[in-house]
Amino acid sequence: MTRDQVLAWLDTRRPVPPATLRDRLRRAVHDAPGGLAAHLARLGQELLDGVTSQPAGGRELALDLLAADAFATYAFEAQAEDET
């Protein structure tokens, strides 16, 4: 899955996430092998790993945590769309 393919799919999501979250999601996306749902789940896991690797972190990690949650949600959406 290419970065451009993932970004194009994210751009179709409604409602559109707030600008700050949308920008964080876009920055996290990179090329990776595999299908869309697996790729989105992996992106969420990468962000969550970054958050949990900083146990002393505070509010500065909130955006990454929100983005990880969004990617997990999008992974389920992509899987559901693939099954229809």
PDB file of N, CA and C in Angstrom:
ATOM      1  N   MET A   1       0.847  -1.163   0.000  1.00  0.00           N
ATOM      2  CA  MET A   1       0.000   0.000   0.000  1.00  0.00           C
ATOM      3  C   MET A   1       0.898   1.233   0.000  1.00  0.00           C
ATOM      4  N   THR A   2       0.667   2.118  -0.918  1.00  0.00           N
ATOM      5  CA  THR A   2       1.500   3.317  -0.980  1.00  0.00           C
ATOM      6  C   THR A   2       0.941   4.411  -0.082  1.00  0.00           C
ATOM      7  N   ARG A   3       1.792   5.324   0.247  1.00  0.00           N
ATOM      8  CA  ARG A   3       1.375   6.472   1.054  1.00  0.00           C
ATOM      9  C   ARG A   3       0.249   7.215   0.355  1.00  0.00           C
ATOM     10  N   ASP A   4       0.394   7.426  -0.944  1.00  0.00           N
ATOM     11  CA  ASP A   4      -0.633   8.151  -1.698  1.00  0.00           C
ATOM     12  C   ASP A   4      -1.976   7.432  -1.674  1.00  0.00           C
ATOM     13  N   GLN A   5      -1.960   6.107  -1.757  1.00  0.00           N
ATOM     14  CA  GLN A   5      -3.210   5.344  -1.706  1.00  0.00           C
ATOM     15  C   GLN A   5      -3.894   5.500  -0.341  1.00  0.00           C
ATOM     16  N   VAL A   6      -3.109   5.431   0.705  1.00  0.00           N
ATOM     17  CA  VAL A   6      -3.673   5.576   2.053  1.00  0.00           C
ATOM     18  C   VAL A   6      -4.218   6.989   2.237  1.00  0.00           C
ATOM     19  N   LEU A   7      -3.458   7.987   1.821  1.00  0.00           N
ATOM     20  CA  LEU A   7      -3.919   9.371   1.962  1.00  0.00           C
ATOM     21  C   LEU A   7      -5.199   9.610   1.168  1.00  0.00           C
ATOM     22  N   ALA A   8      -5.292   9.039  -0.025  1.00  0.00           N
ATOM     23  CA  ALA A   8      -6.505   9.197  -0.838  1.00  0.00           C
ATOM     24  C   ALA A   8      -7.700   8.580  -0.114  1.00  0.00           C
ATOM     25  N   TRP A   9      -7.505   7.413   0.493  1.00  0.00           N
ATOM     26  CA  TRP A   9      -8.590   6.772   1.227  1.00  0.00           C
ATOM     27  C   TRP A   9      -8.970   7.618   2.447  1.00  0.00           C
ATOM     28  N   LEU A  10      -7.988   8.108   3.179  1.00  0.00           N
ATOM     29  CA  LEU A  10      -8.281   8.939   4.348  1.00  0.00           C
ATOM     30  C   LEU A  10      -9.072  10.183   3.960  1.00  0.00           C
ATOM     31  N   ASP A  11      -8.778  10.735   2.797  1.00  0.00           N
ATOM     32  CA  ASP A  11      -9.481  11.937   2.344  1.00  0.00           C
ATOM     33  C   ASP A  11     -10.961  11.690   2.077  1.00  0.00           C
ATOM     34  N   THR A  12     -11.371  10.432   1.958  1.00  0.00           N
ATOM     35  CA  THR A  12     -12.786  10.122   1.722  1.00  0.00           C
ATOM     36  C   THR A  12     -13.570   9.959   3.014  1.00  0.00           C
ATOM     37  N   ARG A  13     -12.904   9.960   4.146  1.00  0.00           N
ATOM     38  CA  ARG A  13     -13.583   9.711   5.423  1.00  0.00           C
ATOM     39  C   ARG A  13     -14.455  10.895   5.813  1.00  0.00           C
ATOM     40  N   ARG A  14     -15.637  10.573   6.321  1.00  0.00           N
ATOM     41  CA  ARG A  14     -16.556  11.580   6.825  1.00  0.00           C
ATOM     42  C   ARG A  14     -17.064  11.122   8.178  1.00  0.00           C
ATOM     43  N   PRO A  15     -17.142  11.990   9.147  1.00  0.00           N
ATOM     44  CA  PRO A  15     -16.782  13.397   9.055  1.00  0.00           C
ATOM     45  C   PRO A  15     -15.270  13.574   8.988  1.00  0.00           C
ATOM     46  N   VAL A  16     -14.869  14.669   8.414  1.00  0.00           N
ATOM     47  CA  VAL A  16     -13.444  14.993   8.305  1.00  0.00           C
ATOM     48  C   VAL A  16     -12.917  15.286   9.715  1.00  0.00           C
ATOM     49  N   PRO A  17     -11.788  14.697  10.091  1.00  0.00           N
ATOM     50  CA  PRO A  17     -11.244  14.985  11.424  1.00  0.00           C
ATOM     51  C   PRO A  17     -10.794  16.443  11.528  1.00  0.00           C
ATOM     52  N   PRO A  18     -10.701  16.944  12.740  1.00  0.00           N
ATOM     53  CA  PRO A  18     -10.181  18.302  12.924  1.00  0.00           C
ATOM     54  C   PRO A  18      -8.804  18.442  12.265  1.00  0.00           C
ATOM     55  N   ALA A  19      -8.483  19.643  11.841  1.00  0.00           N
ATOM     56  CA  ALA A  19      -7.264  19.899  11.062  1.00  0.00           C
ATOM     57  C   ALA A  19      -6.002  19.394  11.761  1.00  0.00           C
ATOM     58  N   THR A  20      -5.873  19.621  13.041  1.00  0.00           N
ATOM     59  CA  THR A  20      -4.665  19.193  13.763  1.00  0.00           C
ATOM     60  C   THR A  20      -4.521  17.681  13.739  1.00  0.00           C
ATOM     61  N   LEU A  21      -5.615  16.969  13.963  1.00  0.00           N
ATOM     62  CA  LEU A  21      -5.572  15.509  13.922  1.00  0.00           C
ATOM     63  C   LEU A  21      -5.332  15.026  12.496  1.00  0.00           C
ATOM     64  N   ARG A  22      -5.984  15.630  11.537  1.00  0.00           N
ATOM     65  CA  ARG A  22      -5.788  15.242  10.131  1.00  0.00           C
ATOM     66  C   ARG A  22      -4.325  15.395   9.734  1.00  0.00           C
ATOM     67  N   ASP A  23      -3.705  16.483  10.136  1.00  0.00           N
ATOM     68  CA  ASP A  23      -2.285  16.695   9.827  1.00  0.00           C
ATOM     69  C   ASP A  23      -1.401  15.632  10.481  1.00  0.00           C
ATOM     70  N   ARG A  24      -1.722  15.259  11.712  1.00  0.00           N
ATOM     71  CA  ARG A  24      -0.917  14.226  12.404  1.00  0.00           C
ATOM     72  C   ARG A  24      -1.076  12.880  11.722  1.00  0.00           C
ATOM     73  N   LEU A  25      -2.293  12.558  11.310  1.00  0.00           N
ATOM     74  CA  LEU A  25      -2.529  11.308  10.591  1.00  0.00           C
ATOM     75  C   LEU A  25      -1.717  11.280   9.298  1.00  0.00           C
ATOM     76  N   ARG A  26      -1.756  12.356   8.566  1.00  0.00           N
ATOM     77  CA  ARG A  26      -1.045  12.420   7.287  1.00  0.00           C
ATOM     78  C   ARG A  26       0.465  12.265   7.484  1.00  0.00           C
ATOM     79  N   ARG A  27       1.000  12.867   8.547  1.00  0.00           N
ATOM     80  CA  ARG A  27       2.447  12.760   8.807  1.00  0.00           C
ATOM     81  C   ARG A  27       2.858  11.340   9.159  1.00  0.00           C
ATOM     82  N   ALA A  28       1.955  10.567   9.729  1.00  0.00           N
ATOM     83  CA  ALA A  28       2.277   9.213  10.166  1.00  0.00           C
ATOM     84  C   ALA A  28       2.260   8.199   9.026  1.00  0.00           C
ATOM     85  N   VAL A  29       1.595   8.524   7.929  1.00  0.00           N
ATOM     86  CA  VAL A  29       1.410   7.554   6.844  1.00  0.00           C
ATOM     87  C   VAL A  29       2.698   7.392   6.038  1.00  0.00           C
ATOM     88  N   HIS A  30       3.023   6.135   5.746  1.00  0.00           N
ATOM     89  CA  HIS A  30       4.176   5.802   4.910  1.00  0.00           C
ATOM     90  C   HIS A  30       3.829   4.571   4.091  1.00  0.00           C
ATOM     91  N   ASP A  31       4.633   4.276   3.101  1.00  0.00           N
ATOM     92  CA  ASP A  31       4.436   3.075   2.290  1.00  0.00           C
ATOM     93  C   ASP A  31       4.677   1.835   3.153  1.00  0.00           C
ATOM     94  N   ALA A  32       3.904   0.789   2.876  1.00  0.00           N
ATOM     95  CA  ALA A  32       4.114  -0.489   3.563  1.00  0.00           C
ATOM     96  C   ALA A  32       3.421  -1.587   2.776  1.00  0.00           C
ATOM     97  N   PRO A  33       3.932  -2.801   2.872  1.00  0.00           N
ATOM     98  CA  PRO A  33       3.287  -3.911   2.170  1.00  0.00           C
ATOM     99  C   PRO A  33       1.958  -4.261   2.824  1.00  0.00           C
ATOM    100  N   GLY A  34       1.095  -4.909   2.064  1.00  0.00           N
ATOM    101  CA  GLY A  34      -0.154  -5.412   2.623  1.00  0.00           C
ATOM    102  C   GLY A  34      -1.346  -4.569   2.227  1.00  0.00           C
ATOM    103  N   GLY A  35      -2.508  -5.019   2.686  1.00  0.00           N
ATOM    104  CA  GLY A  35      -3.761  -4.352   2.383  1.00  0.00           C
ATOM    105  C   GLY A  35      -4.007  -3.143   3.270  1.00  0.00           C
ATOM    106  N   LEU A  36      -5.067  -2.434   2.950  1.00  0.00           N
ATOM    107  CA  LEU A  36      -5.374  -1.178   3.634  1.00  0.00           C
ATOM    108  C   LEU A  36      -5.657  -1.378   5.119  1.00  0.00           C
ATOM    109  N   ALA A  37      -6.544  -2.312   5.461  1.00  0.00           N
ATOM    110  CA  ALA A  37      -6.908  -2.484   6.866  1.00  0.00           C
ATOM    111  C   ALA A  37      -5.685  -2.827   7.722  1.00  0.00           C
ATOM    112  N   ALA A  38      -4.870  -3.748   7.237  1.00  0.00           N
ATOM    113  CA  ALA A  38      -3.669  -4.132   7.992  1.00  0.00           C
ATOM    114  C   ALA A  38      -2.706  -2.965   8.110  1.00  0.00           C
ATOM    115  N   HIS A  39      -2.591  -2.195   7.047  1.00  0.00           N
ATOM    116  CA  HIS A  39      -1.675  -1.049   7.060  1.00  0.00           C
ATOM    117  C   HIS A  39      -2.141   0.010   8.057  1.00  0.00           C
ATOM    118  N   LEU A  40      -3.444   0.289   8.064  1.00  0.00           N
ATOM    119  CA  LEU A  40      -3.976   1.273   9.007  1.00  0.00           C
ATOM    120  C   LEU A  40      -3.780   0.806  10.450  1.00  0.00           C
ATOM    121  N   ALA A  41      -4.005  -0.484  10.697  1.00  0.00           N
ATOM    122  CA  ALA A  41      -3.798  -1.026  12.048  1.00  0.00           C
ATOM    123  C   ALA A  41      -2.335  -0.894  12.455  1.00  0.00           C
ATOM    124  N   ARG A  42      -1.439  -1.173  11.509  1.00  0.00           N
ATOM    125  CA  ARG A  42      -0.005  -1.065  11.786  1.00  0.00           C
ATOM    126  C   ARG A  42       0.377   0.383  12.110  1.00  0.00           C
ATOM    127  N   LEU A  43      -0.174   1.336  11.372  1.00  0.00           N
ATOM    128  CA  LEU A  43       0.123   2.753  11.651  1.00  0.00           C
ATOM    129  C   LEU A  43      -0.344   3.128  13.056  1.00  0.00           C
ATOM    130  N   GLY A  44      -1.528   2.658  13.427  1.00  0.00           N
ATOM    131  CA  GLY A  44      -2.024   2.917  14.779  1.00  0.00           C
ATOM    132  C   GLY A  44      -1.120   2.312  15.828  1.00  0.00           C
ATOM    133  N   GLN A  45      -0.661   1.085  15.577  1.00  0.00           N
ATOM    134  CA  GLN A  45       0.232   0.408  16.524  1.00  0.00           C
ATOM    135  C   GLN A  45       1.555   1.151  16.657  1.00  0.00           C
ATOM    136  N   GLU A  46       2.078   1.647  15.545  1.00  0.00           N
ATOM    137  CA  GLU A  46       3.336   2.406  15.589  1.00  0.00           C
ATOM    138  C   GLU A  46       3.192   3.646  16.466  1.00  0.00           C
ATOM    139  N   LEU A  47       2.080   4.360  16.305  1.00  0.00           N
ATOM    140  CA  LEU A  47       1.869   5.552  17.132  1.00  0.00           C
ATOM    141  C   LEU A  47       1.677   5.174  18.596  1.00  0.00           C
ATOM    142  N   LEU A  48       0.902   4.120  18.845  1.00  0.00           N
ATOM    143  CA  LEU A  48       0.684   3.683  20.219  1.00  0.00           C
ATOM    144  C   LEU A  48       1.988   3.232  20.864  1.00  0.00           C
ATOM    145  N   ASP A  49       2.824   2.541  20.114  1.00  0.00           N
ATOM    146  CA  ASP A  49       4.137   2.146  20.632  1.00  0.00           C
ATOM    147  C   ASP A  49       4.956   3.366  21.028  1.00  0.00           C
ATOM    148  N   GLY A  50       4.873   4.416  20.207  1.00  0.00           N
ATOM    149  CA  GLY A  50       5.590   5.644  20.531  1.00  0.00           C
ATOM    150  C   GLY A  50       5.095   6.284  21.817  1.00  0.00           C
ATOM    151  N   VAL A  51       3.789   6.239  22.022  1.00  0.00           N
ATOM    152  CA  VAL A  51       3.209   6.803  23.247  1.00  0.00           C
ATOM    153  C   VAL A  51       3.624   5.979  24.456  1.00  0.00           C
ATOM    154  N   THR A  52       3.497   4.659  24.354  1.00  0.00           N
ATOM    155  CA  THR A  52       3.791   3.820  25.519  1.00  0.00           C
ATOM    156  C   THR A  52       5.283   3.736  25.825  1.00  0.00           C
ATOM    157  N   SER A  53       6.124   4.107  24.870  1.00  0.00           N
ATOM    158  CA  SER A  53       7.564   4.088  25.128  1.00  0.00           C
ATOM    159  C   SER A  53       8.013   5.312  25.926  1.00  0.00           C
ATOM    160  N   GLN A  54       7.088   6.207  26.207  1.00  0.00           N
ATOM    161  CA  GLN A  54       7.402   7.421  26.966  1.00  0.00           C
ATOM    162  C   GLN A  54       6.515   7.486  28.201  1.00  0.00           C
ATOM    163  N   PRO A  55       6.752   6.616  29.191  1.00  0.00           N
ATOM    164  CA  PRO A  55       5.862   6.537  30.352  1.00  0.00           C
ATOM    165  C   PRO A  55       5.789   7.831  31.164  1.00  0.00           C
ATOM    166  N   ALA A  56       6.784   8.680  31.052  1.00  0.00           N
ATOM    167  CA  ALA A  56       6.753   9.939  31.786  1.00  0.00           C
ATOM    168  C   ALA A  56       6.099  11.041  30.963  1.00  0.00           C
ATOM    169  N   GLY A  57       5.658  10.697  29.756  1.00  0.00           N
ATOM    170  CA  GLY A  57       5.045  11.691  28.878  1.00  0.00           C
ATOM    171  C   GLY A  57       3.737  12.201  29.447  1.00  0.00           C
ATOM    172  N   GLY A  58       3.354  13.332  28.951  1.00  0.00           N
ATOM    173  CA  GLY A  58       2.119  13.952  29.415  1.00  0.00           C
ATOM    174  C   GLY A  58       1.232  14.340  28.253  1.00  0.00           C
ATOM    175  N   ARG A  59       0.678  15.512  28.377  1.00  0.00           N
ATOM    176  CA  ARG A  59      -0.283  15.993  27.395  1.00  0.00           C
ATOM    177  C   ARG A  59       0.292  16.104  25.991  1.00  0.00           C
ATOM    178  N   GLU A  60       1.603  16.210  25.880  1.00  0.00           N
ATOM    179  CA  GLU A  60       2.222  16.331  24.556  1.00  0.00           C
ATOM    180  C   GLU A  60       2.026  15.059  23.727  1.00  0.00           C
ATOM    181  N   LEU A  61       1.655  13.968  24.374  1.00  0.00           N
ATOM    182  CA  LEU A  61       1.422  12.705  23.674  1.00  0.00           C
ATOM    183  C   LEU A  61      -0.039  12.509  23.275  1.00  0.00           C
ATOM    184  N   ALA A  62      -0.899  13.413  23.689  1.00  0.00           N
ATOM    185  CA  ALA A  62      -2.335  13.241  23.449  1.00  0.00           C
ATOM    186  C   ALA A  62      -2.673  13.148  21.962  1.00  0.00           C
ATOM    187  N   LEU A  63      -2.058  13.951  21.141  1.00  0.00           N
ATOM    188  CA  LEU A  63      -2.368  13.927  19.713  1.00  0.00           C
ATOM    189  C   LEU A  63      -1.968  12.593  19.085  1.00  0.00           C
ATOM    190  N   ASP A  64      -0.822  12.060  19.481  1.00  0.00           N
ATOM    191  CA  ASP A  64      -0.413  10.750  18.968  1.00  0.00           C
ATOM    192  C   ASP A  64      -1.379   9.656  19.428  1.00  0.00           C
ATOM    193  N   LEU A  65      -1.860   9.758  20.652  1.00  0.00           N
ATOM    194  CA  LEU A  65      -2.816   8.781  21.152  1.00  0.00           C
ATOM    195  C   LEU A  65      -4.137   8.875  20.389  1.00  0.00           C
ATOM    196  N   LEU A  66      -4.591  10.072  20.124  1.00  0.00           N
ATOM    197  CA  LEU A  66      -5.804  10.260  19.325  1.00  0.00           C
ATOM    198  C   LEU A  66      -5.624   9.726  17.910  1.00  0.00           C
ATOM    199  N   ALA A  67      -4.461   9.965  17.332  1.00  0.00           N
ATOM    200  CA  ALA A  67      -4.193   9.474  15.980  1.00  0.00           C
ATOM    201  C   ALA A  67      -4.140   7.946  15.966  1.00  0.00           C
ATOM    202  N   ALA A  68      -3.552   7.344  16.985  1.00  0.00           N
ATOM    203  CA  ALA A  68      -3.515   5.878  17.075  1.00  0.00           C
ATOM    204  C   ALA A  68      -4.938   5.327  17.138  1.00  0.00           C
ATOM    205  N   ASP A  69      -5.775   5.955  17.925  1.00  0.00           N
ATOM    206  CA  ASP A  69      -7.172   5.537  18.030  1.00  0.00           C
ATOM    207  C   ASP A  69      -7.888   5.697  16.687  1.00  0.00           C
ATOM    208  N   ALA A  70      -7.628   6.794  16.008  1.00  0.00           N
ATOM    209  CA  ALA A  70      -8.262   7.020  14.702  1.00  0.00           C
ATOM    210  C   ALA A  70      -7.831   5.954  13.701  1.00  0.00           C
ATOM    211  N   PHE A  71      -6.555   5.622  13.670  1.00  0.00           N
ATOM    212  CA  PHE A  71      -6.088   4.587  12.754  1.00  0.00           C
ATOM    213  C   PHE A  71      -6.726   3.237  13.069  1.00  0.00           C
ATOM    214  N   ALA A  72      -6.884   2.908  14.340  1.00  0.00           N
ATOM    215  CA  ALA A  72      -7.535   1.648  14.710  1.00  0.00           C
ATOM    216  C   ALA A  72      -8.981   1.637  14.216  1.00  0.00           C
ATOM    217  N   THR A  73      -9.673   2.737  14.409  1.00  0.00           N
ATOM    218  CA  THR A  73     -11.052   2.854  13.934  1.00  0.00           C
ATOM    219  C   THR A  73     -11.113   2.736  12.420  1.00  0.00           C
ATOM    220  N   TYR A  74     -10.221   3.420  11.743  1.00  0.00           N
ATOM    221  CA  TYR A  74     -10.187   3.357  10.278  1.00  0.00           C
ATOM    222  C   TYR A  74      -9.853   1.949   9.787  1.00  0.00           C
ATOM    223  N   ALA A  75      -9.034   1.224  10.521  1.00  0.00           N
ATOM    224  CA  ALA A  75      -8.719  -0.151  10.131  1.00  0.00           C
ATOM    225  C   ALA A  75      -9.985  -1.002  10.129  1.00  0.00           C
ATOM    226  N   PHE A  76     -10.822  -0.825  11.155  1.00  0.00           N
ATOM    227  CA  PHE A  76     -12.084  -1.557  11.185  1.00  0.00           C
ATOM    228  C   PHE A  76     -13.002  -1.124  10.048  1.00  0.00           C
ATOM    229  N   GLU A  77     -13.051   0.161   9.760  1.00  0.00           N
ATOM    230  CA  GLU A  77     -13.861   0.659   8.650  1.00  0.00           C
ATOM    231  C   GLU A  77     -13.393   0.059   7.327  1.00  0.00           C
ATOM    232  N   ALA A  78     -12.092   0.056   7.107  1.00  0.00           N
ATOM    233  CA  ALA A  78     -11.552  -0.482   5.864  1.00  0.00           C
ATOM    234  C   ALA A  78     -11.860  -1.974   5.746  1.00  0.00           C
ATOM    235  N   GLN A  79     -11.749  -2.692   6.841  1.00  0.00           N
ATOM    236  CA  GLN A  79     -12.058  -4.119   6.827  1.00  0.00           C
ATOM    237  C   GLN A  79     -13.530  -4.339   6.496  1.00  0.00           C
ATOM    238  N   ALA A  80     -14.408  -3.547   7.100  1.00  0.00           N
ATOM    239  CA  ALA A  80     -15.841  -3.683   6.835  1.00  0.00           C
ATOM    240  C   ALA A  80     -16.167  -3.369   5.376  1.00  0.00           C
ATOM    241  N   GLU A  81     -15.528  -2.343   4.823  1.00  0.00           N
ATOM    242  CA  GLU A  81     -15.755  -1.987   3.429  1.00  0.00           C
ATOM    243  C   GLU A  81     -15.263  -3.098   2.502  1.00  0.00           C
ATOM    244  N   ASP A  82     -14.182  -3.736   2.876  1.00  0.00           N
ATOM    245  CA  ASP A  82     -13.605  -4.803   2.059  1.00  0.00           C
ATOM    246  C   ASP A  82     -14.503  -6.035   2.035  1.00  0.00           C
ATOM    247  N   GLU A  83     -15.271  -6.226   3.101  1.00  0.00           N
ATOM    248  CA  GLU A  83     -16.117  -7.400   3.199  1.00  0.00           C
ATOM    249  C   GLU A  83     -17.467  -7.217   2.515  1.00  0.00           C
ATOM    250  N   THR A  84     -17.795  -6.004   2.130  1.00  0.00           N
ATOM    251  CA  THR A  84     -19.100  -5.790   1.481  1.00  0.00           C
ATOM    252  C   THR A  84     -19.024  -5.976  -0.006  1.00  0.00           C
TER     253      THR A  84
END
